[in-house]
């Protein structure tokens, strides 16, 4: 019977780097969302002032 292939494993250092990257990406996405919401609010306020 054939053995199932081994899953690749990360070294502790590589795993820590991957977690740090994911944390940075998550923070960047949250900041981007905040910025987009702020832009939308400003656009809505500008539209309200025009009318």
C-alpha atoms as a PDB file:
ATOM      1  CA  UNK A   1       0.000   0.000   0.000  1.00  0.00           C
ATOM      2  CA  UNK A   2       1.327   3.462  -0.885  1.00  0.00           C
ATOM      3  CA  UNK A   3       1.967   5.952   1.874  1.00  0.00           C
ATOM      4  CA  UNK A   4       0.061   9.228   1.667  1.00  0.00           C
ATOM      5  CA  UNK A   5       2.279  12.172   0.741  1.00  0.00           C
ATOM      6  CA  UNK A   6       3.602  14.212   3.642  1.00  0.00           C
ATOM      7  CA  UNK A   7       2.209  17.691   4.046  1.00  0.00           C
ATOM      8  CA  UNK A   8       4.811  20.424   3.893  1.00  0.00           C
ATOM      9  CA  UNK A   9       5.575  21.900   7.300  1.00  0.00           C
ATOM     10  CA  UNK A  10       6.872  25.307   8.162  1.00  0.00           C
ATOM     11  CA  UNK A  11       9.764  25.928  10.468  1.00  0.00           C
ATOM     12  CA  UNK A  12       8.883  27.889  13.595  1.00  0.00           C
ATOM     13  CA  UNK A  13      10.646  30.920  12.108  1.00  0.00           C
ATOM     14  CA  UNK A  14       8.702  30.667   8.841  1.00  0.00           C
ATOM     15  CA  UNK A  15       5.461  30.136  10.723  1.00  0.00           C
ATOM     16  CA  UNK A  16       6.098  33.263  12.822  1.00  0.00           C
ATOM     17  CA  UNK A  17       6.880  35.253   9.674  1.00  0.00           C
ATOM     18  CA  UNK A  18       3.662  34.029   8.070  1.00  0.00           C
ATOM     19  CA  UNK A  19       1.618  35.026  11.123  1.00  0.00           C
ATOM     20  CA  UNK A  20       3.249  38.469  11.194  1.00  0.00           C
ATOM     21  CA  UNK A  21       2.464  38.949   7.512  1.00  0.00           C
ATOM     22  CA  UNK A  22      -1.165  37.971   8.043  1.00  0.00           C
ATOM     23  CA  UNK A  23      -1.414  40.408  10.967  1.00  0.00           C
ATOM     24  CA  UNK A  24       0.075  43.225   8.840  1.00  0.00           C
ATOM     25  CA  UNK A  25      -2.312  42.442   5.990  1.00  0.00           C
ATOM     26  CA  UNK A  26      -5.302  42.386   8.339  1.00  0.00           C
ATOM     27  CA  UNK A  27      -4.316  45.763   9.796  1.00  0.00           C
ATOM     28  CA  UNK A  28      -3.827  47.211   6.308  1.00  0.00           C
ATOM     29  CA  UNK A  29      -7.275  45.982   5.264  1.00  0.00           C
ATOM     30  CA  UNK A  30      -8.881  47.507   8.364  1.00  0.00           C
ATOM     31  CA  UNK A  31      -7.124  50.826   7.734  1.00  0.00           C
ATOM     32  CA  UNK A  32      -8.204  50.759   4.077  1.00  0.00           C
ATOM     33  CA  UNK A  33     -11.799  50.134   5.116  1.00  0.00           C
ATOM     34  CA  UNK A  34     -11.691  53.048   7.585  1.00  0.00           C
ATOM     35  CA  UNK A  35     -10.290  55.322   4.878  1.00  0.00           C
ATOM     36  CA  UNK A  36     -12.948  54.284   2.346  1.00  0.00           C
ATOM     37  CA  UNK A  37     -15.757  54.824   4.867  1.00  0.00           C
ATOM     38  CA  UNK A  38     -14.373  58.256   5.701  1.00  0.00           C
ATOM     39  CA  UNK A  39     -14.223  59.149   2.001  1.00  0.00           C
ATOM     40  CA  UNK A  40     -17.818  57.998   1.529  1.00  0.00           C
ATOM     41  CA  UNK A  41     -18.958  60.114   4.487  1.00  0.00           C
ATOM     42  CA  UNK A  42     -17.201  63.162   3.046  1.00  0.00           C
ATOM     43  CA  UNK A  43     -18.795  62.578  -0.355  1.00  0.00           C
ATOM     44  CA  UNK A  44     -22.238  62.230   1.237  1.00  0.00           C
ATOM     45  CA  UNK A  45     -21.699  65.420   3.254  1.00  0.00           C
ATOM     46  CA  UNK A  46     -20.587  67.301   0.139  1.00  0.00           C
ATOM     47  CA  UNK A  47     -23.682  66.095  -1.741  1.00  0.00           C
ATOM     48  CA  UNK A  48     -25.912  67.173   1.134  1.00  0.00           C
ATOM     49  CA  UNK A  49     -24.383  70.662   1.114  1.00  0.00           C
ATOM     50  CA  UNK A  50     -24.999  71.054  -2.633  1.00  0.00           C
ATOM     51  CA  UNK A  51     -28.724  70.478  -2.305  1.00  0.00           C
END
